[in-house]
C-alpha atoms as a PDB file:
ATOM      1  CA  MET A   1       3.893  -0.185  -4.037  1.00  0.00           C
ATOM      2  CA  ASN A   2       6.015  -3.306  -3.658  1.00  0.00           C
ATOM      3  CA  CYS A   3       6.320  -5.031  -0.311  1.00  0.00           C
ATOM      4  CA  TYR A   4       9.167  -7.308   0.832  1.00  0.00           C
ATOM      5  CA  PHE A   5       9.508  -9.437   3.972  1.00  0.00           C
ATOM      6  CA  LEU A   6      12.619 -11.175   5.291  1.00  0.00           C
ATOM      7  CA  GLU A   7      11.546 -13.936   7.660  1.00  0.00           C
ATOM      8  CA  ASP A   8      12.750 -17.511   8.181  1.00  0.00           C
ATOM      9  CA  ASN A   9       9.761 -18.679  10.230  1.00  0.00           C
ATOM     10  CA  LEU A  10       7.000 -20.215   8.111  1.00  0.00           C
ATOM     11  CA  ILE A  11       4.236 -19.370  10.581  1.00  0.00           C
ATOM     12  CA  GLN A  12       5.235 -15.690  10.634  1.00  0.00           C
ATOM     13  CA  GLN A  13       5.501 -15.659   6.835  1.00  0.00           C
ATOM     14  CA  ARG A  14       1.942 -16.915   6.496  1.00  0.00           C
ATOM     15  CA  ARG A  15       0.772 -14.494   9.184  1.00  0.00           C
ATOM     16  CA  VAL A  16       1.910 -11.453   7.190  1.00  0.00           C
ATOM     17  CA  GLN A  17       0.831 -12.843   3.819  1.00  0.00           C
ATOM     18  CA  ALA A  18      -2.664 -13.398   5.201  1.00  0.00           C
ATOM     19  CA  ILE A  19      -2.827  -9.614   5.662  1.00  0.00           C
ATOM     20  CA  PHE A  20      -0.839  -8.604   2.568  1.00  0.00           C
ATOM     21  CA  PRO A  21      -1.167 -11.412  -0.017  1.00  0.00           C
ATOM     22  CA  THR A  22       1.086  -9.682  -2.561  1.00  0.00           C
ATOM     23  CA  CYS A  23       3.984  -9.221  -0.138  1.00  0.00           C
ATOM     24  CA  GLN A  24       7.093 -11.022  -1.413  1.00  0.00           C
ATOM     25  CA  VAL A  25       8.610 -13.238   1.290  1.00  0.00           C
ATOM     26  CA  PHE A  26      12.239 -14.354   1.487  1.00  0.00           C
ATOM     27  CA  GLU A  27      14.163 -16.621   3.859  1.00  0.00           C
ATOM     28  CA  ASN A  28      17.603 -16.066   2.359  1.00  0.00           C
ATOM     29  CA  PRO A  29      19.129 -12.645   3.229  1.00  0.00           C
ATOM     30  CA  THR A  30      21.320 -12.557   0.100  1.00  0.00           C
ATOM     31  CA  ILE A  31      18.435 -13.182  -2.298  1.00  0.00           C
ATOM     32  CA  PHE A  32      16.312 -10.727  -0.320  1.00  0.00           C
ATOM     33  CA  LEU A  33      18.930  -7.982  -0.559  1.00  0.00           C
ATOM     34  CA  ASP A  34      19.450  -8.546  -4.287  1.00  0.00           C
ATOM     35  CA  LYS A  35      15.727  -8.182  -4.898  1.00  0.00           C
ATOM     36  CA  VAL A  36      15.235  -5.154  -2.654  1.00  0.00           C
ATOM     37  CA  LEU A  37      18.266  -3.249  -3.915  1.00  0.00           C
ATOM     38  CA  ALA A  38      17.288  -3.889  -7.539  1.00  0.00           C
ATOM     39  CA  ASP A  39      13.916  -2.208  -6.923  1.00  0.00           C
ATOM     40  CA  LYS A  40      14.602   1.520  -7.306  1.00  0.00           C
ATOM     41  CA  GLN A  41      11.074   2.621  -6.385  1.00  0.00           C
ATOM     42  CA  ASP A  42       9.842   3.432  -2.887  1.00  0.00           C
ATOM     43  CA  LYS A  43       8.768   0.212  -1.210  1.00  0.00           C
ATOM     44  CA  VAL A  44       7.756  -1.292   2.130  1.00  0.00           C
ATOM     45  CA  ILE A  45      10.357  -3.530   3.758  1.00  0.00           C
ATOM     46  CA  PHE A  46       9.450  -5.798   6.676  1.00  0.00           C
ATOM     47  CA  LEU A  47      12.443  -7.203   8.533  1.00  0.00           C
ATOM     48  CA  ASP A  48      12.705  -9.837  11.221  1.00  0.00           C
ATOM     49  CA  LEU A  49      15.631  -9.070  13.516  1.00  0.00           C
ATOM     50  CA  GLU A  50      16.661 -12.665  14.100  1.00  0.00           C
ATOM     51  CA  ILE A  51      17.595 -14.612  10.982  1.00  0.00           C
ATOM     52  CA  GLY A  52      19.217 -18.042  11.239  1.00  0.00           C
ATOM     53  CA  ASN A  53      19.651 -17.655  15.020  1.00  0.00           C
ATOM     54  CA  VAL A  54      21.631 -14.434  14.501  1.00  0.00           C
ATOM     55  CA  VAL A  55      19.723 -11.930  16.654  1.00  0.00           C
ATOM     56  CA  HIS A  56      21.067  -8.762  15.003  1.00  0.00           C
ATOM     57  CA  ALA A  57      20.987  -9.967  11.389  1.00  0.00           C
ATOM     58  CA  GLY A  58      17.969  -7.849  10.501  1.00  0.00           C
ATOM     59  CA  LEU A  59      19.637  -4.668  11.749  1.00  0.00           C
ATOM     60  CA  GLU A  60      22.749  -5.326   9.683  1.00  0.00           C
ATOM     61  CA  ILE A  61      20.634  -5.896   6.574  1.00  0.00           C
ATOM     62  CA  ALA A  62      18.704  -2.692   7.259  1.00  0.00           C
ATOM     63  CA  LYS A  63      21.967  -0.742   7.452  1.00  0.00           C
ATOM     64  CA  ILE A  64      23.024  -2.126   4.064  1.00  0.00           C
ATOM     65  CA  ILE A  65      19.687  -1.080   2.546  1.00  0.00           C
ATOM     66  CA  ARG A  66      19.991   2.432   3.985  1.00  0.00           C
ATOM     67  CA  GLN A  67      23.357   2.948   2.265  1.00  0.00           C
ATOM     68  CA  THR A  68      21.568   3.375  -1.064  1.00  0.00           C
ATOM     69  CA  ASP A  69      17.875   3.656  -0.173  1.00  0.00           C
ATOM     70  CA  LYS A  70      17.040   6.560   2.114  1.00  0.00           C
ATOM     71  CA  THR A  71      13.288   6.725   1.567  1.00  0.00           C
ATOM     72  CA  SER A  72      11.676   3.269   1.558  1.00  0.00           C
ATOM     73  CA  ALA A  73       9.770   2.332   4.708  1.00  0.00           C
ATOM     74  CA  ILE A  74      11.535  -0.185   6.937  1.00  0.00           C
ATOM     75  CA  ILE A  75       9.350  -1.893   9.542  1.00  0.00           C
ATOM     76  CA  ILE A  76      10.855  -4.208  12.132  1.00  0.00           C
ATOM     77  CA  LEU A  77       8.877  -7.315  13.157  1.00  0.00           C
ATOM     78  CA  SER A  78      10.389  -9.149  16.100  1.00  0.00           C
ATOM     79  CA  THR A  79       9.921 -10.820  19.463  1.00  0.00           C
ATOM     80  CA  HIS A  80      13.077  -9.052  20.693  1.00  0.00           C
ATOM     81  CA  THR A  81      11.439  -5.909  22.073  1.00  0.00           C
ATOM     82  CA  GLU A  82      14.577  -5.280  24.125  1.00  0.00           C
ATOM     83  CA  LEU A  83      16.276  -4.270  20.862  1.00  0.00           C
ATOM     84  CA  VAL A  84      13.900  -1.412  20.059  1.00  0.00           C
ATOM     85  CA  GLU A  85      16.288   1.243  21.364  1.00  0.00           C
ATOM     86  CA  ARG A  86      19.244  -0.311  19.573  1.00  0.00           C
ATOM     87  CA  SER A  87      17.371  -0.408  16.266  1.00  0.00           C
ATOM     88  CA  PHE A  88      16.809   3.334  16.412  1.00  0.00           C
ATOM     89  CA  LYS A  89      20.417   4.016  17.432  1.00  0.00           C
ATOM     90  CA  CYS A  90      21.559   2.188  14.274  1.00  0.00           C
ATOM     91  CA  HIS A  91      20.095   5.050  12.188  1.00  0.00           C
ATOM     92  CA  ILE A  92      18.060   2.742   9.971  1.00  0.00           C
ATOM     93  CA  TYR A  93      15.134   5.154  10.418  1.00  0.00           C
ATOM     94  CA  ALA A  94      12.588   2.399  10.940  1.00  0.00           C
ATOM     95  CA  LEU A  95       9.003   3.534  10.541  1.00  0.00           C
ATOM     96  CA  ASP A  96       7.824   1.215  13.310  1.00  0.00           C
ATOM     97  CA  PHE A  97       8.759  -1.727  15.527  1.00  0.00           C
ATOM     98  CA  ILE A  98       6.026  -4.376  15.753  1.00  0.00           C
ATOM     99  CA  ASP A  99       5.994  -6.990  18.485  1.00  0.00           C
ATOM    100  CA  LYS A 100       5.133 -10.427  17.082  1.00  0.00           C
ATOM    101  CA  LEU A 101       3.956 -11.639  20.506  1.00  0.00           C
ATOM    102  CA  GLN A 102       0.986  -9.301  20.756  1.00  0.00           C
ATOM    103  CA  SER A 103      -2.531 -10.546  20.028  1.00  0.00           C
ATOM    104  CA  GLU A 104      -3.465 -11.297  16.431  1.00  0.00           C
ATOM    105  CA  GLN A 105      -6.000  -8.456  16.441  1.00  0.00           C
ATOM    106  CA  LEU A 106      -3.461  -5.876  17.621  1.00  0.00           C
ATOM    107  CA  PHE A 107      -0.772  -7.279  15.322  1.00  0.00           C
ATOM    108  CA  ARG A 108      -3.054  -6.956  12.285  1.00  0.00           C
ATOM    109  CA  LYS A 109      -4.217  -3.479  13.289  1.00  0.00           C
ATOM    110  CA  GLN A 110      -0.665  -2.191  13.723  1.00  0.00           C
ATOM    111  CA  LEU A 111       0.512  -3.789  10.492  1.00  0.00           C
ATOM    112  CA  VAL A 112      -2.319  -2.282   8.434  1.00  0.00           C
ATOM    113  CA  SER A 113      -1.819   1.102  10.089  1.00  0.00           C
ATOM    114  CA  VAL A 114       1.913   1.225   9.384  1.00  0.00           C
ATOM    115  CA  MET A 115       1.338   0.141   5.774  1.00  0.00           C
ATOM    116  CA  ASP A 116      -1.138   3.014   5.339  1.00  0.00           C
ATOM    117  CA  SER A 117       1.429   5.413   6.810  1.00  0.00           C
ATOM    118  CA  ALA A 118       4.164   4.125   4.495  1.00  0.00           C
ATOM    119  CA  ILE A 119       1.975   4.585   1.426  1.00  0.00           C
ATOM    120  CA  ALA A 120       0.909   8.048   2.576  1.00  0.00           C
ATOM    121  CA  ASN A 121       4.493   9.159   3.227  1.00  0.00           C
ATOM    122  CA  SER A 122       5.674   7.873  -0.150  1.00  0.00           C
ATOM    123  CA  GLU A 123       2.922   9.480  -2.171  1.00  0.00           C
ATOM    124  CA  LYS A 124       3.137  12.763  -0.272  1.00  0.00           C
ATOM    125  CA  SER A 125       6.854  13.057  -1.065  1.00  0.00           C
ATOM    126  CA  GLN A 126       6.493  12.158  -4.735  1.00  0.00           C
ATOM    127  CA  LYS A 127       3.770  14.409  -6.088  1.00  0.00           C
ATOM    128  CA  PRO A 128       2.599  17.978  -5.444  1.00  0.00           C
ATOM    129  CA  ALA A 129      -1.107  18.473  -4.809  1.00  0.00           C
ATOM    130  CA  GLU A 130      -3.240  18.625  -7.946  1.00  0.00           C
ATOM    131  CA  LEU A 131      -6.798  19.588  -7.098  1.00  0.00           C
ATOM    132  CA  VAL A 132      -9.820  18.389  -9.033  1.00  0.00           C
ATOM    133  CA  ALA A 133     -13.301  19.846  -8.480  1.00  0.00           C
ATOM    134  CA  ILE A 134     -15.766  16.995  -7.947  1.00  0.00           C
ATOM    135  CA  PRO A 135     -19.476  17.892  -8.224  1.00  0.00           C
ATOM    136  CA  ASN A 136     -21.372  17.592  -4.946  1.00  0.00           C
ATOM    137  CA  GLY A 137     -24.992  18.614  -5.453  1.00  0.00           C
ATOM    138  CA  ARG A 138     -24.914  22.338  -6.219  1.00  0.00           C
ATOM    139  CA  LYS A 139     -21.366  22.679  -4.890  1.00  0.00           C
ATOM    140  CA  HIS A 140     -17.957  21.210  -5.690  1.00  0.00           C
ATOM    141  CA  GLU A 141     -15.406  19.444  -3.485  1.00  0.00           C
ATOM    142  CA  LEU A 142     -11.739  20.137  -4.162  1.00  0.00           C
ATOM    143  CA  VAL A 143      -9.771  16.901  -3.800  1.00  0.00           C
ATOM    144  CA  ASP A 144      -6.114  16.157  -4.569  1.00  0.00           C
ATOM    145  CA  ILE A 145      -6.122  13.713  -7.500  1.00  0.00           C
ATOM    146  CA  ASN A 146      -2.979  12.094  -6.051  1.00  0.00           C
ATOM    147  CA  GLN A 147      -4.927  11.147  -2.917  1.00  0.00           C
ATOM    148  CA  ILE A 148      -7.790   9.439  -4.765  1.00  0.00           C
ATOM    149  CA  TYR A 149      -7.717   5.657  -5.219  1.00  0.00           C
ATOM    150  CA  ALA A 150     -11.211   4.972  -6.500  1.00  0.00           C
ATOM    151  CA  ILE A 151     -14.694   6.414  -6.808  1.00  0.00           C
ATOM    152  CA  TYR A 152     -17.714   4.152  -6.677  1.00  0.00           C
ATOM    153  CA  THR A 153     -21.494   4.238  -6.492  1.00  0.00           C
ATOM    154  CA  ASP A 154     -22.901   4.294  -2.964  1.00  0.00           C
ATOM    155  CA  LEU A 155     -25.592   1.608  -3.106  1.00  0.00           C
ATOM    156  CA  SER A 156     -26.967   2.606   0.302  1.00  0.00           C
ATOM    157  CA  ARG A 157     -27.875   6.140  -0.858  1.00  0.00           C
ATOM    158  CA  SER A 158     -29.559   7.322  -4.036  1.00  0.00           C
ATOM    159  CA  HIS A 159     -27.597   9.619  -6.369  1.00  0.00           C
ATOM    160  CA  SER A 160     -24.479   9.324  -4.206  1.00  0.00           C
ATOM    161  CA  ILE A 161     -20.889   8.243  -4.759  1.00  0.00           C
ATOM    162  CA  VAL A 162     -17.974   7.434  -2.449  1.00  0.00           C
ATOM    163  CA  VAL A 163     -14.553   8.958  -3.109  1.00  0.00           C
ATOM    164  CA  LEU A 164     -11.957   6.626  -1.599  1.00  0.00           C
ATOM    165  CA  CYS A 165      -8.988   8.781  -0.621  1.00  0.00           C
ATOM    166  CA  GLN A 166      -5.728   8.115   1.125  1.00  0.00           C
ATOM    167  CA  ASN A 167      -6.867   8.885   4.674  1.00  0.00           C
ATOM    168  CA  LYS A 168     -10.610   9.372   4.320  1.00  0.00           C
ATOM    169  CA  GLN A 169     -13.771   8.598   2.379  1.00  0.00           C
ATOM    170  CA  LEU A 170     -16.035  11.304   0.988  1.00  0.00           C
ATOM    171  CA  VAL A 171     -19.716  10.644   0.335  1.00  0.00           C
ATOM    172  CA  LEU A 172     -20.896  13.112  -2.303  1.00  0.00           C
ATOM    173  CA  ARG A 173     -24.135  13.727  -4.131  1.00  0.00           C
ATOM    174  CA  SER A 174     -22.939  13.093  -7.659  1.00  0.00           C
ATOM    175  CA  SER A 175     -22.632  10.429 -10.365  1.00  0.00           C
ATOM    176  CA  LEU A 176     -19.805   8.542 -12.029  1.00  0.00           C
ATOM    177  CA  THR A 177     -20.927   9.855 -15.418  1.00  0.00           C
ATOM    178  CA  LEU A 178     -20.220  13.413 -14.274  1.00  0.00           C
ATOM    179  CA  ILE A 179     -16.858  12.485 -12.803  1.00  0.00           C
ATOM    180  CA  GLU A 180     -15.160  10.150 -15.285  1.00  0.00           C
ATOM    181  CA  LYS A 181     -14.214  12.943 -17.713  1.00  0.00           C
ATOM    182  CA  LEU A 182     -12.965  15.390 -15.080  1.00  0.00           C
ATOM    183  CA  HIS A 183      -9.349  14.193 -15.207  1.00  0.00           C
ATOM    184  CA  ALA A 184      -7.200  12.024 -17.466  1.00  0.00           C
ATOM    185  CA  ASP A 185      -6.147   9.914 -14.461  1.00  0.00           C
ATOM    186  CA  PHE A 186      -9.731   8.756 -13.917  1.00  0.00           C
ATOM    187  CA  LEU A 187     -10.438   5.426 -15.588  1.00  0.00           C
ATOM    188  CA  ARG A 188     -13.868   3.818 -15.752  1.00  0.00           C
ATOM    189  CA  VAL A 189     -13.528   0.075 -15.133  1.00  0.00           C
ATOM    190  CA  HIS A 190     -17.069  -0.916 -14.193  1.00  0.00           C
ATOM    191  CA  SER A 191     -20.576   0.519 -14.235  1.00  0.00           C
ATOM    192  CA  GLY A 192     -20.109   1.217 -10.535  1.00  0.00           C
ATOM    193  CA  TYR A 193     -16.386   2.046 -10.334  1.00  0.00           C
ATOM    194  CA  ILE A 194     -13.843   4.624 -11.472  1.00  0.00           C
ATOM    195  CA  ILE A 195     -10.218   4.211 -10.416  1.00  0.00           C
ATOM    196  CA  ASN A 196      -7.127   6.399 -10.497  1.00  0.00           C
ATOM    197  CA  ARG A 197      -4.973   4.720 -13.155  1.00  0.00           C
ATOM    198  CA  HIS A 198      -1.807   5.569 -11.202  1.00  0.00           C
ATOM    199  CA  LYS A 199      -3.049   3.630  -8.169  1.00  0.00           C
ATOM    200  CA  ILE A 200      -3.150   0.253  -9.927  1.00  0.00           C
ATOM    201  CA  ASP A 201      -0.751  -2.258  -8.413  1.00  0.00           C
ATOM    202  CA  ARG A 202      -1.783  -5.432 -10.268  1.00  0.00           C
ATOM    203  CA  ILE A 203      -4.475  -6.588 -12.675  1.00  0.00           C
ATOM    204  CA  ALA A 204      -5.879 -10.108 -12.350  1.00  0.00           C
ATOM    205  CA  PHE A 205      -7.533 -10.694 -15.711  1.00  0.00           C
ATOM    206  CA  ASN A 206      -8.737 -14.209 -14.855  1.00  0.00           C
ATOM    207  CA  GLU A 207     -10.496 -12.980 -11.711  1.00  0.00           C
ATOM    208  CA  MET A 208     -11.412  -9.668 -13.385  1.00  0.00           C
ATOM    209  CA  THR A 209     -10.175  -7.639 -10.426  1.00  0.00           C
ATOM    210  CA  LEU A 210      -7.719  -4.808  -9.836  1.00  0.00           C
ATOM    211  CA  LEU A 211      -5.452  -4.579  -6.807  1.00  0.00           C
ATOM    212  CA  LEU A 212      -4.813  -0.949  -5.912  1.00  0.00           C
ATOM    213  CA  THR A 213      -1.681   0.314  -4.156  1.00  0.00           C
ATOM    214  CA  ASN A 214      -3.613   0.554  -0.879  1.00  0.00           C
ATOM    215  CA  ASN A 215      -4.419  -3.194  -1.167  1.00  0.00           C
ATOM    216  CA  ARG A 216      -8.068  -2.541  -2.034  1.00  0.00           C
ATOM    217  CA  VAL A 217      -9.504  -4.992  -4.581  1.00  0.00           C
ATOM    218  CA  ILE A 218     -11.791  -3.463  -7.236  1.00  0.00           C
ATOM    219  CA  PRO A 219     -13.839  -5.447  -9.778  1.00  0.00           C
ATOM    220  CA  PHE A 220     -13.813  -4.586 -13.461  1.00  0.00           C
ATOM    221  CA  SER A 221     -16.285  -5.620 -16.131  1.00  0.00           C
ATOM    222  CA  ARG A 222     -15.625  -7.348 -19.422  1.00  0.00           C
ATOM    223  CA  ARG A 223     -16.288  -4.257 -21.542  1.00  0.00           C
ATOM    224  CA  TYR A 224     -13.255  -2.506 -20.005  1.00  0.00           C
ATOM    225  CA  LYS A 225     -10.872  -5.477 -20.253  1.00  0.00           C
ATOM    226  CA  LYS A 226      -9.358  -4.357 -23.554  1.00  0.00           C
ATOM    227  CA  THR A 227      -8.651  -0.872 -22.168  1.00  0.00           C
ATOM    228  CA  LEU A 228      -6.916  -2.321 -19.121  1.00  0.00           C
ATOM    229  CA  LYS A 229      -4.715  -4.556 -21.274  1.00  0.00           C
ATOM    230  CA  LEU A 230      -3.379  -1.433 -22.980  1.00  0.00           C
ATOM    231  CA  LEU A 231      -2.117   0.092 -19.718  1.00  0.00           C
END
């Protein structure tokens, strides 16, 4: 899921990119709008309200985006908390308003939380539930394949795996060998990892890592490199 940020303050740019390294940052509103409007997929859009000393610039840009994009998540980042009410009256349907002046810990926590909510809302609206029965000892756990990001070996417990889902983690008594053939969306990328192929955001072949759409980084091994290049 692509992420865009309009901000003309270098410190604030670096602050957000430290949390979301793949977020694309822009200082120029025109270039920003061209890029955002050209992306027809659901995306996360962070907007500073004050651009070039124009306090309401971010709101005006948000209104332009909403003319053609009704579903992408817009999140306002600003020091102008007095404009919260106005931002909602503009019918830009912002997912959240984040105060830049709060502590770094709270800022990070709120940013990560709203990103998780944006991803969850997007994926929930796009695909109906498709349940897959994952072995769990003598039982099975029914899990929506669209909610699964990755499944990996739990090194702290014998014969156990962790199913990394959208809003939870399941620890099951099972093995990756049993799971990898359960669904065509499951892709083995490492002796200890299976990922949902539809949750791949980017592949870094030099670092031999995968960035998933929830910003989780997963390693892959050399034997699966050729398969990943075919995706």
